[in-house]
């Protein structure tokens, strides 16, 4: 049995609202759907999440389809949502939604549909 602190439903909702507004709490998990432009984008999301999860040694459930990836997090050993879930969700969100800013030397993905692979919100 884990000694990790789990959060109540109210605490989870409050933290998601303030820290991760695109994420939802449902069925004992926090989850987010990432919309992609197709299979290539979905695979890029899966590979990114896979790398972060393995580095964190905290592994989400993924539901992968042609144009979306659903990431679901829960700390199974604690039987609930813990700081591990929030921290990994933040890192996933930060990494997937990152784009070069106006001060960056990097150009960023062109806005043309043929190059778009992820719906940024």
PDB file of N, CA and C in Angstrom:
ATOM      1  N   UNK A   1       0.844  -1.185   0.000  1.00  0.00           N
ATOM      2  CA  UNK A   1       0.000   0.000   0.000  1.00  0.00           C
ATOM      3  C   UNK A   1       0.884   1.241   0.000  1.00  0.00           C
ATOM      4  N   UNK A   2       0.501   2.191  -0.778  1.00  0.00           N
ATOM      5  CA  UNK A   2       1.253   3.439  -0.912  1.00  0.00           C
ATOM      6  C   UNK A   2       0.862   4.423   0.183  1.00  0.00           C
ATOM      7  N   UNK A   3       1.827   5.237   0.603  1.00  0.00           N
ATOM      8  CA  UNK A   3       1.567   6.298   1.573  1.00  0.00           C
ATOM      9  C   UNK A   3       1.353   7.642   0.893  1.00  0.00           C
ATOM     10  N   UNK A   4       1.208   7.631  -0.413  1.00  0.00           N
ATOM     11  CA  UNK A   4       1.037   8.873  -1.149  1.00  0.00           C
ATOM     12  C   UNK A   4      -0.327   9.489  -0.866  1.00  0.00           C
ATOM     13  N   UNK A   5      -0.336  10.819  -0.756  1.00  0.00           N
ATOM     14  CA  UNK A   5      -1.574  11.544  -0.508  1.00  0.00           C
ATOM     15  C   UNK A   5      -2.427  11.529  -1.769  1.00  0.00           C
ATOM     16  N   UNK A   6      -3.670  11.112  -1.630  1.00  0.00           N
ATOM     17  CA  UNK A   6      -4.612  11.203  -2.740  1.00  0.00           C
ATOM     18  C   UNK A   6      -5.512  12.409  -2.513  1.00  0.00           C
ATOM     19  N   UNK A   7      -6.012  12.940  -3.600  1.00  0.00           N
ATOM     20  CA  UNK A   7      -6.849  14.132  -3.544  1.00  0.00           C
ATOM     21  C   UNK A   7      -8.332  13.761  -3.634  1.00  0.00           C
ATOM     22  N   UNK A   8      -9.155  14.544  -2.969  1.00  0.00           N
ATOM     23  CA  UNK A   8     -10.605  14.358  -3.039  1.00  0.00           C
ATOM     24  C   UNK A   8     -11.103  14.864  -4.394  1.00  0.00           C
ATOM     25  N   UNK A   9     -12.328  14.512  -4.732  1.00  0.00           N
ATOM     26  CA  UNK A   9     -12.892  14.971  -6.005  1.00  0.00           C
ATOM     27  C   UNK A   9     -12.894  16.498  -6.089  1.00  0.00           C
ATOM     28  N   UNK A  10     -13.271  17.154  -5.008  1.00  0.00           N
ATOM     29  CA  UNK A  10     -13.296  18.618  -4.989  1.00  0.00           C
ATOM     30  C   UNK A  10     -11.902  19.191  -5.190  1.00  0.00           C
ATOM     31  N   UNK A  11     -10.909  18.632  -4.513  1.00  0.00           N
ATOM     32  CA  UNK A  11      -9.532  19.103  -4.666  1.00  0.00           C
ATOM     33  C   UNK A  11      -9.025  18.882  -6.090  1.00  0.00           C
ATOM     34  N   UNK A  12      -9.372  17.745  -6.671  1.00  0.00           N
ATOM     35  CA  UNK A  12      -8.951  17.437  -8.043  1.00  0.00           C
ATOM     36  C   UNK A  12      -9.549  18.461  -9.004  1.00  0.00           C
ATOM     37  N   UNK A  13     -10.842  18.712  -8.863  1.00  0.00           N
ATOM     38  CA  UNK A  13     -11.514  19.676  -9.742  1.00  0.00           C
ATOM     39  C   UNK A  13     -10.899  21.058  -9.610  1.00  0.00           C
ATOM     40  N   UNK A  14     -10.605  21.474  -8.387  1.00  0.00           N
ATOM     41  CA  UNK A  14     -10.000  22.792  -8.156  1.00  0.00           C
ATOM     42  C   UNK A  14      -8.614  22.881  -8.797  1.00  0.00           C
ATOM     43  N   UNK A  15      -7.813  21.841  -8.613  1.00  0.00           N
ATOM     44  CA  UNK A  15      -6.459  21.856  -9.184  1.00  0.00           C
ATOM     45  C   UNK A  15      -6.503  21.832 -10.705  1.00  0.00           C
ATOM     46  N   UNK A  16      -7.393  21.038 -11.271  1.00  0.00           N
ATOM     47  CA  UNK A  16      -7.489  21.009 -12.728  1.00  0.00           C
ATOM     48  C   UNK A  16      -7.911  22.371 -13.264  1.00  0.00           C
ATOM     49  N   UNK A  17      -8.891  22.971 -12.630  1.00  0.00           N
ATOM     50  CA  UNK A  17      -9.380  24.269 -13.082  1.00  0.00           C
ATOM     51  C   UNK A  17      -8.269  25.326 -13.054  1.00  0.00           C
ATOM     52  N   UNK A  18      -7.468  25.317 -12.006  1.00  0.00           N
ATOM     53  CA  UNK A  18      -6.436  26.349 -11.878  1.00  0.00           C
ATOM     54  C   UNK A  18      -5.132  26.001 -12.584  1.00  0.00           C
ATOM     55  N   UNK A  19      -4.788  24.713 -12.682  1.00  0.00           N
ATOM     56  CA  UNK A  19      -3.486  24.322 -13.227  1.00  0.00           C
ATOM     57  C   UNK A  19      -3.538  23.697 -14.618  1.00  0.00           C
ATOM     58  N   UNK A  20      -4.601  22.957 -14.884  1.00  0.00           N
ATOM     59  CA  UNK A  20      -4.688  22.186 -16.128  1.00  0.00           C
ATOM     60  C   UNK A  20      -6.113  22.271 -16.688  1.00  0.00           C
ATOM     61  N   UNK A  21      -6.530  23.438 -17.156  1.00  0.00           N
ATOM     62  CA  UNK A  21      -7.931  23.629 -17.541  1.00  0.00           C
ATOM     63  C   UNK A  21      -8.410  22.759 -18.702  1.00  0.00           C
ATOM     64  N   UNK A  22      -7.513  22.213 -19.496  1.00  0.00           N
ATOM     65  CA  UNK A  22      -7.919  21.334 -20.597  1.00  0.00           C
ATOM     66  C   UNK A  22      -8.109  19.878 -20.151  1.00  0.00           C
ATOM     67  N   UNK A  23      -7.736  19.584 -18.928  1.00  0.00           N
ATOM     68  CA  UNK A  23      -7.854  18.227 -18.404  1.00  0.00           C
ATOM     69  C   UNK A  23      -9.168  18.075 -17.659  1.00  0.00           C
ATOM     70  N   UNK A  24      -9.674  16.834 -17.579  1.00  0.00           N
ATOM     71  CA  UNK A  24     -10.936  16.519 -16.905  1.00  0.00           C
ATOM     72  C   UNK A  24     -10.728  15.380 -15.907  1.00  0.00           C
ATOM     73  N   UNK A  25     -11.626  15.314 -14.955  1.00  0.00           N
ATOM     74  CA  UNK A  25     -11.617  14.229 -13.973  1.00  0.00           C
ATOM     75  C   UNK A  25     -12.859  13.384 -14.203  1.00  0.00           C
ATOM     76  N   UNK A  26     -12.634  12.100 -14.410  1.00  0.00           N
ATOM     77  CA  UNK A  26     -13.748  11.197 -14.685  1.00  0.00           C
ATOM     78  C   UNK A  26     -13.317   9.765 -14.388  1.00  0.00           C
ATOM     79  N   UNK A  27     -14.195   9.009 -13.785  1.00  0.00           N
ATOM     80  CA  UNK A  27     -13.963   7.581 -13.524  1.00  0.00           C
ATOM     81  C   UNK A  27     -12.658   7.349 -12.762  1.00  0.00           C
ATOM     82  N   UNK A  28     -12.326   8.249 -11.827  1.00  0.00           N
ATOM     83  CA  UNK A  28     -11.148   8.065 -10.989  1.00  0.00           C
ATOM     84  C   UNK A  28      -9.833   8.401 -11.652  1.00  0.00           C
ATOM     85  N   UNK A  29      -9.867   9.023 -12.830  1.00  0.00           N
ATOM     86  CA  UNK A  29      -8.657   9.372 -13.562  1.00  0.00           C
ATOM     87  C   UNK A  29      -8.733  10.840 -13.975  1.00  0.00           C
ATOM     88  N   UNK A  30      -7.561  11.427 -14.222  1.00  0.00           N
ATOM     89  CA  UNK A  30      -7.565  12.701 -14.915  1.00  0.00           C
ATOM     90  C   UNK A  30      -7.173  12.395 -16.356  1.00  0.00           C
ATOM     91  N   UNK A  31      -7.811  13.081 -17.299  1.00  0.00           N
ATOM     92  CA  UNK A  31      -7.549  12.764 -18.699  1.00  0.00           C
ATOM     93  C   UNK A  31      -7.651  14.000 -19.573  1.00  0.00           C
ATOM     94  N   UNK A  32      -7.025  13.875 -20.740  1.00  0.00           N
ATOM     95  CA  UNK A  32      -7.022  14.954 -21.736  1.00  0.00           C
ATOM     96  C   UNK A  32      -7.014  14.327 -23.105  1.00  0.00           C
ATOM     97  N   UNK A  33      -7.802  14.870 -24.004  1.00  0.00           N
ATOM     98  CA  UNK A  33      -7.795  14.438 -25.398  1.00  0.00           C
ATOM     99  C   UNK A  33      -6.990  15.443 -26.207  1.00  0.00           C
ATOM    100  N   UNK A  34      -6.005  14.949 -26.907  1.00  0.00           N
ATOM    101  CA  UNK A  34      -5.213  15.763 -27.822  1.00  0.00           C
ATOM    102  C   UNK A  34      -5.686  15.450 -29.238  1.00  0.00           C
ATOM    103  N   UNK A  35      -6.140  16.468 -29.946  1.00  0.00           N
ATOM    104  CA  UNK A  35      -6.612  16.321 -31.324  1.00  0.00           C
ATOM    105  C   UNK A  35      -5.433  16.532 -32.271  1.00  0.00           C
ATOM    106  N   UNK A  36      -5.344  15.646 -33.262  1.00  0.00           N
ATOM    107  CA  UNK A  36      -4.263  15.733 -34.231  1.00  0.00           C
ATOM    108  C   UNK A  36      -4.852  15.809 -35.632  1.00  0.00           C
ATOM    109  N   UNK A  37      -3.996  16.080 -36.598  1.00  0.00           N
ATOM    110  CA  UNK A  37      -4.452  16.168 -37.982  1.00  0.00           C
ATOM    111  C   UNK A  37      -4.457  14.808 -38.679  1.00  0.00           C
ATOM    112  N   UNK A  38      -4.019  13.780 -37.983  1.00  0.00           N
ATOM    113  CA  UNK A  38      -3.983  12.458 -38.601  1.00  0.00           C
ATOM    114  C   UNK A  38      -3.044  11.528 -37.853  1.00  0.00           C
ATOM    115  N   UNK A  39      -2.777  10.419 -38.485  1.00  0.00           N
ATOM    116  CA  UNK A  39      -1.997   9.356 -37.852  1.00  0.00           C
ATOM    117  C   UNK A  39      -0.600   9.813 -37.455  1.00  0.00           C
ATOM    118  N   UNK A  40       0.071  10.580 -38.310  1.00  0.00           N
ATOM    119  CA  UNK A  40       1.421  11.064 -38.005  1.00  0.00           C
ATOM    120  C   UNK A  40       1.406  11.885 -36.713  1.00  0.00           C
ATOM    121  N   UNK A  41       0.456  12.779 -36.585  1.00  0.00           N
ATOM    122  CA  UNK A  41       0.342  13.593 -35.379  1.00  0.00           C
ATOM    123  C   UNK A  41       0.039  12.760 -34.154  1.00  0.00           C
ATOM    124  N   UNK A  42      -0.851  11.778 -34.298  1.00  0.00           N
ATOM    125  CA  UNK A  42      -1.183  10.902 -33.169  1.00  0.00           C
ATOM    126  C   UNK A  42       0.061  10.152 -32.698  1.00  0.00           C
ATOM    127  N   UNK A  43       0.856   9.661 -33.634  1.00  0.00           N
ATOM    128  CA  UNK A  43       2.080   8.949 -33.252  1.00  0.00           C
ATOM    129  C   UNK A  43       3.082   9.875 -32.581  1.00  0.00           C
ATOM    130  N   UNK A  44       3.167  11.122 -33.019  1.00  0.00           N
ATOM    131  CA  UNK A  44       4.073  12.083 -32.388  1.00  0.00           C
ATOM    132  C   UNK A  44       3.648  12.340 -30.945  1.00  0.00           C
ATOM    133  N   UNK A  45       2.341  12.449 -30.708  1.00  0.00           N
ATOM    134  CA  UNK A  45       1.834  12.635 -29.345  1.00  0.00           C
ATOM    135  C   UNK A  45       2.164  11.409 -28.499  1.00  0.00           C
ATOM    136  N   UNK A  46       1.885  10.220 -29.017  1.00  0.00           N
ATOM    137  CA  UNK A  46       2.148   8.980 -28.269  1.00  0.00           C
ATOM    138  C   UNK A  46       3.622   8.856 -27.919  1.00  0.00           C
ATOM    139  N   UNK A  47       4.497   9.129 -28.867  1.00  0.00           N
ATOM    140  CA  UNK A  47       5.933   9.019 -28.608  1.00  0.00           C
ATOM    141  C   UNK A  47       6.401  10.037 -27.579  1.00  0.00           C
ATOM    142  N   UNK A  48       5.877  11.247 -27.641  1.00  0.00           N
ATOM    143  CA  UNK A  48       6.241  12.275 -26.669  1.00  0.00           C
ATOM    144  C   UNK A  48       5.779  11.881 -25.270  1.00  0.00           C
ATOM    145  N   UNK A  49       4.515  11.480 -25.161  1.00  0.00           N
ATOM    146  CA  UNK A  49       3.977  11.059 -23.860  1.00  0.00           C
ATOM    147  C   UNK A  49       4.736   9.838 -23.358  1.00  0.00           C
ATOM    148  N   UNK A  50       5.036   8.915 -24.241  1.00  0.00           N
ATOM    149  CA  UNK A  50       5.774   7.719 -23.844  1.00  0.00           C
ATOM    150  C   UNK A  50       7.137   8.047 -23.272  1.00  0.00           C
ATOM    151  N   UNK A  51       7.848   8.950 -23.917  1.00  0.00           N
ATOM    152  CA  UNK A  51       9.162   9.347 -23.410  1.00  0.00           C
ATOM    153  C   UNK A  51       9.045   9.991 -22.026  1.00  0.00           C
ATOM    154  N   UNK A  52       8.124  10.942 -21.877  1.00  0.00           N
ATOM    155  CA  UNK A  52       7.970  11.627 -20.590  1.00  0.00           C
ATOM    156  C   UNK A  52       7.549  10.649 -19.488  1.00  0.00           C
ATOM    157  N   UNK A  53       6.627   9.752 -19.805  1.00  0.00           N
ATOM    158  CA  UNK A  53       6.144   8.794 -18.812  1.00  0.00           C
ATOM    159  C   UNK A  53       7.256   7.841 -18.381  1.00  0.00           C
ATOM    160  N   UNK A  54       8.030   7.379 -19.328  1.00  0.00           N
ATOM    161  CA  UNK A  54       9.116   6.457 -18.988  1.00  0.00           C
ATOM    162  C   UNK A  54      10.175   7.161 -18.150  1.00  0.00           C
ATOM    163  N   UNK A  55      10.503   8.406 -18.527  1.00  0.00           N
ATOM    164  CA  UNK A  55      11.483   9.168 -17.750  1.00  0.00           C
ATOM    165  C   UNK A  55      10.990   9.419 -16.332  1.00  0.00           C
ATOM    166  N   UNK A  56       9.674   9.596 -16.176  1.00  0.00           N
ATOM    167  CA  UNK A  56       9.077   9.844 -14.856  1.00  0.00           C
ATOM    168  C   UNK A  56       8.788   8.551 -14.097  1.00  0.00           C
ATOM    169  N   UNK A  57       8.812   7.432 -14.791  1.00  0.00           N
ATOM    170  CA  UNK A  57       8.441   6.123 -14.242  1.00  0.00           C
ATOM    171  C   UNK A  57       7.019   6.178 -13.660  1.00  0.00           C
ATOM    172  N   UNK A  58       6.140   6.788 -14.440  1.00  0.00           N
ATOM    173  CA  UNK A  58       4.716   6.904 -14.095  1.00  0.00           C
ATOM    174  C   UNK A  58       3.954   6.798 -15.413  1.00  0.00           C
ATOM    175  N   UNK A  59       3.215   5.726 -15.582  1.00  0.00           N
ATOM    176  CA  UNK A  59       2.744   5.349 -16.907  1.00  0.00           C
ATOM    177  C   UNK A  59       1.234   5.520 -17.086  1.00  0.00           C
ATOM    178  N   UNK A  60       0.845   6.398 -18.014  1.00  0.00           N
ATOM    179  CA  UNK A  60      -0.573   6.628 -18.284  1.00  0.00           C
ATOM    180  C   UNK A  60      -1.160   5.532 -19.164  1.00  0.00           C
ATOM    181  N   UNK A  61      -2.472   5.500 -19.199  1.00  0.00           N
ATOM    182  CA  UNK A  61      -3.179   4.707 -20.199  1.00  0.00           C
ATOM    183  C   UNK A  61      -3.406   5.641 -21.381  1.00  0.00           C
ATOM    184  N   UNK A  62      -3.244   5.103 -22.575  1.00  0.00           N
ATOM    185  CA  UNK A  62      -3.439   5.887 -23.789  1.00  0.00           C
ATOM    186  C   UNK A  62      -4.492   5.217 -24.663  1.00  0.00           C
ATOM    187  N   UNK A  63      -5.366   6.018 -25.237  1.00  0.00           N
ATOM    188  CA  UNK A  63      -6.317   5.545 -26.240  1.00  0.00           C
ATOM    189  C   UNK A  63      -5.964   6.292 -27.519  1.00  0.00           C
ATOM    190  N   UNK A  64      -5.536   5.554 -28.525  1.00  0.00           N
ATOM    191  CA  UNK A  64      -5.007   6.158 -29.740  1.00  0.00           C
ATOM    192  C   UNK A  64      -5.935   5.864 -30.907  1.00  0.00           C
ATOM    193  N   UNK A  65      -6.293   6.910 -31.643  1.00  0.00           N
ATOM    194  CA  UNK A  65      -7.039   6.731 -32.883  1.00  0.00           C
ATOM    195  C   UNK A  65      -6.358   7.555 -33.963  1.00  0.00           C
ATOM    196  N   UNK A  66      -6.920   7.544 -35.140  1.00  0.00           N
ATOM    197  CA  UNK A  66      -6.309   8.222 -36.285  1.00  0.00           C
ATOM    198  C   UNK A  66      -6.015   9.692 -36.009  1.00  0.00           C
ATOM    199  N   UNK A  67      -6.937  10.401 -35.358  1.00  0.00           N
ATOM    200  CA  UNK A  67      -6.760  11.840 -35.201  1.00  0.00           C
ATOM    201  C   UNK A  67      -6.894  12.333 -33.762  1.00  0.00           C
ATOM    202  N   UNK A  68      -6.655  11.437 -32.815  1.00  0.00           N
ATOM    203  CA  UNK A  68      -6.671  11.885 -31.419  1.00  0.00           C
ATOM    204  C   UNK A  68      -5.957  10.878 -30.525  1.00  0.00           C
ATOM    205  N   UNK A  69      -5.510  11.405 -29.391  1.00  0.00           N
ATOM    206  CA  UNK A  69      -4.905  10.566 -28.354  1.00  0.00           C
ATOM    207  C   UNK A  69      -5.501  11.010 -27.030  1.00  0.00           C
ATOM    208  N   UNK A  70      -6.040  10.064 -26.282  1.00  0.00           N
ATOM    209  CA  UNK A  70      -6.542  10.351 -24.942  1.00  0.00           C
ATOM    210  C   UNK A  70      -5.503   9.847 -23.954  1.00  0.00           C
ATOM    211  N   UNK A  71      -5.061  10.740 -23.069  1.00  0.00           N
ATOM    212  CA  UNK A  71      -4.085  10.416 -22.035  1.00  0.00           C
ATOM    213  C   UNK A  71      -4.842  10.348 -20.712  1.00  0.00           C
ATOM    214  N   UNK A  72      -4.722   9.220 -19.998  1.00  0.00           N
ATOM    215  CA  UNK A  72      -5.412   9.025 -18.717  1.00  0.00           C
ATOM    216  C   UNK A  72      -4.374   8.732 -17.635  1.00  0.00           C
ATOM    217  N   UNK A  73      -4.480   9.469 -16.531  1.00  0.00           N
ATOM    218  CA  UNK A  73      -3.526   9.312 -15.434  1.00  0.00           C
ATOM    219  C   UNK A  73      -4.229   8.994 -14.121  1.00  0.00           C
ATOM    220  N   UNK A  74      -3.662   8.063 -13.384  1.00  0.00           N
ATOM    221  CA  UNK A  74      -4.060   7.724 -12.023  1.00  0.00           C
ATOM    222  C   UNK A  74      -2.873   7.004 -11.391  1.00  0.00           C
ATOM    223  N   UNK A  75      -2.697   7.175 -10.102  1.00  0.00           N
ATOM    224  CA  UNK A  75      -1.637   6.452  -9.398  1.00  0.00           C
ATOM    225  C   UNK A  75      -2.256   5.169  -8.843  1.00  0.00           C
ATOM    226  N   UNK A  76      -2.038   4.078  -9.553  1.00  0.00           N
ATOM    227  CA  UNK A  76      -2.660   2.807  -9.185  1.00  0.00           C
ATOM    228  C   UNK A  76      -2.261   2.354  -7.780  1.00  0.00           C
ATOM    229  N   UNK A  77      -0.989   2.552  -7.427  1.00  0.00           N
ATOM    230  CA  UNK A  77      -0.519   2.094  -6.114  1.00  0.00           C
ATOM    231  C   UNK A  77      -1.218   2.835  -4.973  1.00  0.00           C
ATOM    232  N   UNK A  78      -1.665   4.062  -5.220  1.00  0.00           N
ATOM    233  CA  UNK A  78      -2.353   4.854  -4.191  1.00  0.00           C
ATOM    234  C   UNK A  78      -3.874   4.774  -4.341  1.00  0.00           C
ATOM    235  N   UNK A  79      -4.313   4.148  -5.434  1.00  0.00           N
ATOM    236  CA  UNK A  79      -5.746   4.026  -5.727  1.00  0.00           C
ATOM    237  C   UNK A  79      -6.431   5.394  -5.807  1.00  0.00           C
ATOM    238  N   UNK A  80      -5.762   6.330  -6.473  1.00  0.00           N
ATOM    239  CA  UNK A  80      -6.339   7.658  -6.632  1.00  0.00           C
ATOM    240  C   UNK A  80      -5.403   8.604  -7.348  1.00  0.00           C
ATOM    241  N   UNK A  81      -5.790   9.857  -7.366  1.00  0.00           N
ATOM    242  CA  UNK A  81      -5.018  10.908  -8.013  1.00  0.00           C
ATOM    243  C   UNK A  81      -4.059  11.504  -6.992  1.00  0.00           C
ATOM    244  N   UNK A  82      -2.777  11.547  -7.365  1.00  0.00           N
ATOM    245  CA  UNK A  82      -1.736  12.065  -6.471  1.00  0.00           C
ATOM    246  C   UNK A  82      -0.948  13.171  -7.185  1.00  0.00           C
ATOM    247  N   UNK A  83       0.029  13.710  -6.480  1.00  0.00           N
ATOM    248  CA  UNK A  83       0.898  14.716  -7.080  1.00  0.00           C
ATOM    249  C   UNK A  83       1.607  14.180  -8.322  1.00  0.00           C
ATOM    250  N   UNK A  84       1.873  12.887  -8.368  1.00  0.00           N
ATOM    251  CA  UNK A  84       2.512  12.294  -9.540  1.00  0.00           C
ATOM    252  C   UNK A  84       1.682  12.540 -10.798  1.00  0.00           C
ATOM    253  N   UNK A  85       0.380  12.383 -10.669  1.00  0.00           N
ATOM    254  CA  UNK A  85      -0.506  12.555 -11.819  1.00  0.00           C
ATOM    255  C   UNK A  85      -0.527  14.004 -12.285  1.00  0.00           C
ATOM    256  N   UNK A  86      -0.630  14.929 -11.341  1.00  0.00           N
ATOM    257  CA  UNK A  86      -0.634  16.347 -11.700  1.00  0.00           C
ATOM    258  C   UNK A  86       0.701  16.769 -12.317  1.00  0.00           C
ATOM    259  N   UNK A  87       1.789  16.290 -11.747  1.00  0.00           N
ATOM    260  CA  UNK A  87       3.099  16.689 -12.253  1.00  0.00           C
ATOM    261  C   UNK A  87       3.349  16.158 -13.657  1.00  0.00           C
ATOM    262  N   UNK A  88       3.011  14.898 -13.894  1.00  0.00           N
ATOM    263  CA  UNK A  88       3.203  14.351 -15.233  1.00  0.00           C
ATOM    264  C   UNK A  88       2.249  15.018 -16.223  1.00  0.00           C
ATOM    265  N   UNK A  89       1.025  15.273 -15.830  1.00  0.00           N
ATOM    266  CA  UNK A  89       0.075  15.962 -16.713  1.00  0.00           C
ATOM    267  C   UNK A  89       0.611  17.334 -17.105  1.00  0.00           C
ATOM    268  N   UNK A  90       1.170  18.063 -16.149  1.00  0.00           N
ATOM    269  CA  UNK A  90       1.734  19.389 -16.444  1.00  0.00           C
ATOM    270  C   UNK A  90       2.894  19.277 -17.436  1.00  0.00           C
ATOM    271  N   UNK A  91       3.756  18.292 -17.245  1.00  0.00           N
ATOM    272  CA  UNK A  91       4.908  18.121 -18.136  1.00  0.00           C
ATOM    273  C   UNK A  91       4.442  17.729 -19.543  1.00  0.00           C
ATOM    274  N   UNK A  92       3.455  16.861 -19.632  1.00  0.00           N
ATOM    275  CA  UNK A  92       2.899  16.475 -20.937  1.00  0.00           C
ATOM    276  C   UNK A  92       2.307  17.705 -21.624  1.00  0.00           C
ATOM    277  N   UNK A  93       1.508  18.443 -20.892  1.00  0.00           N
ATOM    278  CA  UNK A  93       0.862  19.639 -21.439  1.00  0.00           C
ATOM    279  C   UNK A  93       1.899  20.669 -21.896  1.00  0.00           C
ATOM    280  N   UNK A  94       2.863  20.922 -21.054  1.00  0.00           N
ATOM    281  CA  UNK A  94       3.923  21.896 -21.361  1.00  0.00           C
ATOM    282  C   UNK A  94       4.695  21.487 -22.616  1.00  0.00           C
ATOM    283  N   UNK A  95       5.006  20.222 -22.741  1.00  0.00           N
ATOM    284  CA  UNK A  95       5.805  19.740 -23.863  1.00  0.00           C
ATOM    285  C   UNK A  95       4.997  19.707 -25.159  1.00  0.00           C
ATOM    286  N   UNK A  96       3.805  19.138 -25.115  1.00  0.00           N
ATOM    287  CA  UNK A  96       3.008  19.031 -26.338  1.00  0.00           C
ATOM    288  C   UNK A  96       2.510  20.388 -26.843  1.00  0.00           C
ATOM    289  N   UNK A  97       2.195  21.293 -25.954  1.00  0.00           N
ATOM    290  CA  UNK A  97       1.640  22.582 -26.368  1.00  0.00           C
ATOM    291  C   UNK A  97       2.701  23.652 -26.610  1.00  0.00           C
ATOM    292  N   UNK A  98       3.979  23.316 -26.400  1.00  0.00           N
ATOM    293  CA  UNK A  98       5.056  24.274 -26.593  1.00  0.00           C
ATOM    294  C   UNK A  98       5.170  24.670 -28.057  1.00  0.00           C
ATOM    295  N   UNK A  99       5.366  25.953 -28.276  1.00  0.00           N
ATOM    296  CA  UNK A  99       5.659  26.496 -29.599  1.00  0.00           C
ATOM    297  C   UNK A  99       6.677  27.618 -29.410  1.00  0.00           C
ATOM    298  N   UNK A 100       7.557  27.835 -30.372  1.00  0.00           N
ATOM    299  CA  UNK A 100       8.517  28.926 -30.238  1.00  0.00           C
ATOM    300  C   UNK A 100       7.798  30.273 -30.147  1.00  0.00           C
ATOM    301  N   UNK A 101       8.285  31.116 -29.273  1.00  0.00           N
ATOM    302  CA  UNK A 101       7.714  32.445 -29.116  1.00  0.00           C
ATOM    303  C   UNK A 101       8.293  33.429 -30.111  1.00  0.00           C
ATOM    304  N   UNK A 102       7.782  34.645 -30.086  1.00  0.00           N
ATOM    305  CA  UNK A 102       8.237  35.664 -31.046  1.00  0.00           C
ATOM    306  C   UNK A 102       9.721  36.023 -30.897  1.00  0.00           C
ATOM    307  N   UNK A 103      10.281  35.805 -29.723  1.00  0.00           N
ATOM    308  CA  UNK A 103      11.696  36.127 -29.487  1.00  0.00           C
ATOM    309  C   UNK A 103      12.626  34.981 -29.894  1.00  0.00           C
ATOM    310  N   UNK A 104      12.049  33.854 -30.278  1.00  0.00           N
ATOM    311  CA  UNK A 104      12.828  32.651 -30.572  1.00  0.00           C
ATOM    312  C   UNK A 104      13.500  32.720 -31.938  1.00  0.00           C
ATOM    313  N   UNK A 105      14.664  32.105 -32.037  1.00  0.00           N
ATOM    314  CA  UNK A 105      15.346  31.940 -33.325  1.00  0.00           C
ATOM    315  C   UNK A 105      14.673  30.836 -34.143  1.00  0.00           C
ATOM    316  N   UNK A 106      13.836  30.029 -33.507  1.00  0.00           N
ATOM    317  CA  UNK A 106      13.144  28.938 -34.188  1.00  0.00           C
ATOM    318  C   UNK A 106      11.891  29.464 -34.886  1.00  0.00           C
ATOM    319  N   UNK A 107      11.602  28.909 -36.049  1.00  0.00           N
ATOM    320  CA  UNK A 107      10.456  29.371 -36.837  1.00  0.00           C
ATOM    321  C   UNK A 107       9.129  28.805 -36.351  1.00  0.00           C
ATOM    322  N   UNK A 108       9.115  27.562 -35.922  1.00  0.00           N
ATOM    323  CA  UNK A 108       7.860  26.905 -35.572  1.00  0.00           C
ATOM    324  C   UNK A 108       7.199  26.310 -36.812  1.00  0.00           C
ATOM    325  N   UNK A 109       6.280  25.416 -36.595  1.00  0.00           N
ATOM    326  CA  UNK A 109       5.576  24.753 -37.682  1.00  0.00           C
ATOM    327  C   UNK A 109       4.747  25.773 -38.466  1.00  0.00           C
ATOM    328  N   UNK A 110       4.845  25.776 -39.800  1.00  0.00           N
ATOM    329  CA  UNK A 110       4.021  26.692 -40.586  1.00  0.00           C
ATOM    330  C   UNK A 110       2.534  26.451 -40.329  1.00  0.00           C
ATOM    331  N   UNK A 111       1.755  27.504 -40.478  1.00  0.00           N
ATOM    332  CA  UNK A 111       0.315  27.431 -40.220  1.00  0.00           C
ATOM    333  C   UNK A 111      -0.452  26.697 -41.317  1.00  0.00           C
ATOM    334  N   UNK A 112       0.183  26.369 -42.407  1.00  0.00           N
ATOM    335  CA  UNK A 112      -0.479  25.671 -43.514  1.00  0.00           C
ATOM    336  C   UNK A 112      -0.975  24.298 -43.074  1.00  0.00           C
ATOM    337  N   UNK A 113      -2.145  23.927 -43.554  1.00  0.00           N
ATOM    338  CA  UNK A 113      -2.778  22.662 -43.163  1.00  0.00           C
ATOM    339  C   UNK A 113      -1.885  21.449 -43.414  1.00  0.00           C
ATOM    340  N   UNK A 114      -1.116  21.472 -44.488  1.00  0.00           N
ATOM    341  CA  UNK A 114      -0.290  20.302 -44.811  1.00  0.00           C
ATOM    342  C   UNK A 114       0.822  20.056 -43.790  1.00  0.00           C
ATOM    343  N   UNK A 115       1.165  21.070 -43.000  1.00  0.00           N
ATOM    344  CA  UNK A 115       2.201  20.914 -41.984  1.00  0.00           C
ATOM    345  C   UNK A 115       1.633  20.732 -40.583  1.00  0.00           C
ATOM    346  N   UNK A 116       0.385  21.074 -40.401  1.00  0.00           N
ATOM    347  CA  UNK A 116      -0.228  21.037 -39.076  1.00  0.00           C
ATOM    348  C   UNK A 116      -0.396  19.581 -38.623  1.00  0.00           C
ATOM    349  N   UNK A 117       0.039  19.270 -37.425  1.00  0.00           N
ATOM    350  CA  UNK A 117      -0.092  17.909 -36.921  1.00  0.00           C
ATOM    351  C   UNK A 117      -0.789  17.837 -35.567  1.00  0.00           C
ATOM    352  N   UNK A 118      -0.941  18.972 -34.876  1.00  0.00           N
ATOM    353  CA  UNK A 118      -1.571  18.992 -33.560  1.00  0.00           C
ATOM    354  C   UNK A 118      -2.435  20.235 -33.464  1.00  0.00           C
ATOM    355  N   UNK A 119      -3.621  20.088 -32.887  1.00  0.00           N
ATOM    356  CA  UNK A 119      -4.481  21.248 -32.647  1.00  0.00           C
ATOM    357  C   UNK A 119      -4.040  21.910 -31.352  1.00  0.00           C
ATOM    358  N   UNK A 120      -3.471  23.085 -31.473  1.00  0.00           N
ATOM    359  CA  UNK A 120      -3.050  23.838 -30.294  1.00  0.00           C
ATOM    360  C   UNK A 120      -4.238  24.611 -29.757  1.00  0.00           C
ATOM    361  N   UNK A 121      -4.470  24.540 -28.433  1.00  0.00           N
ATOM    362  CA  UNK A 121      -5.573  25.299 -27.868  1.00  0.00           C
ATOM    363  C   UNK A 121      -5.076  26.342 -26.909  1.00  0.00           C
TER     364      UNK A 121
END
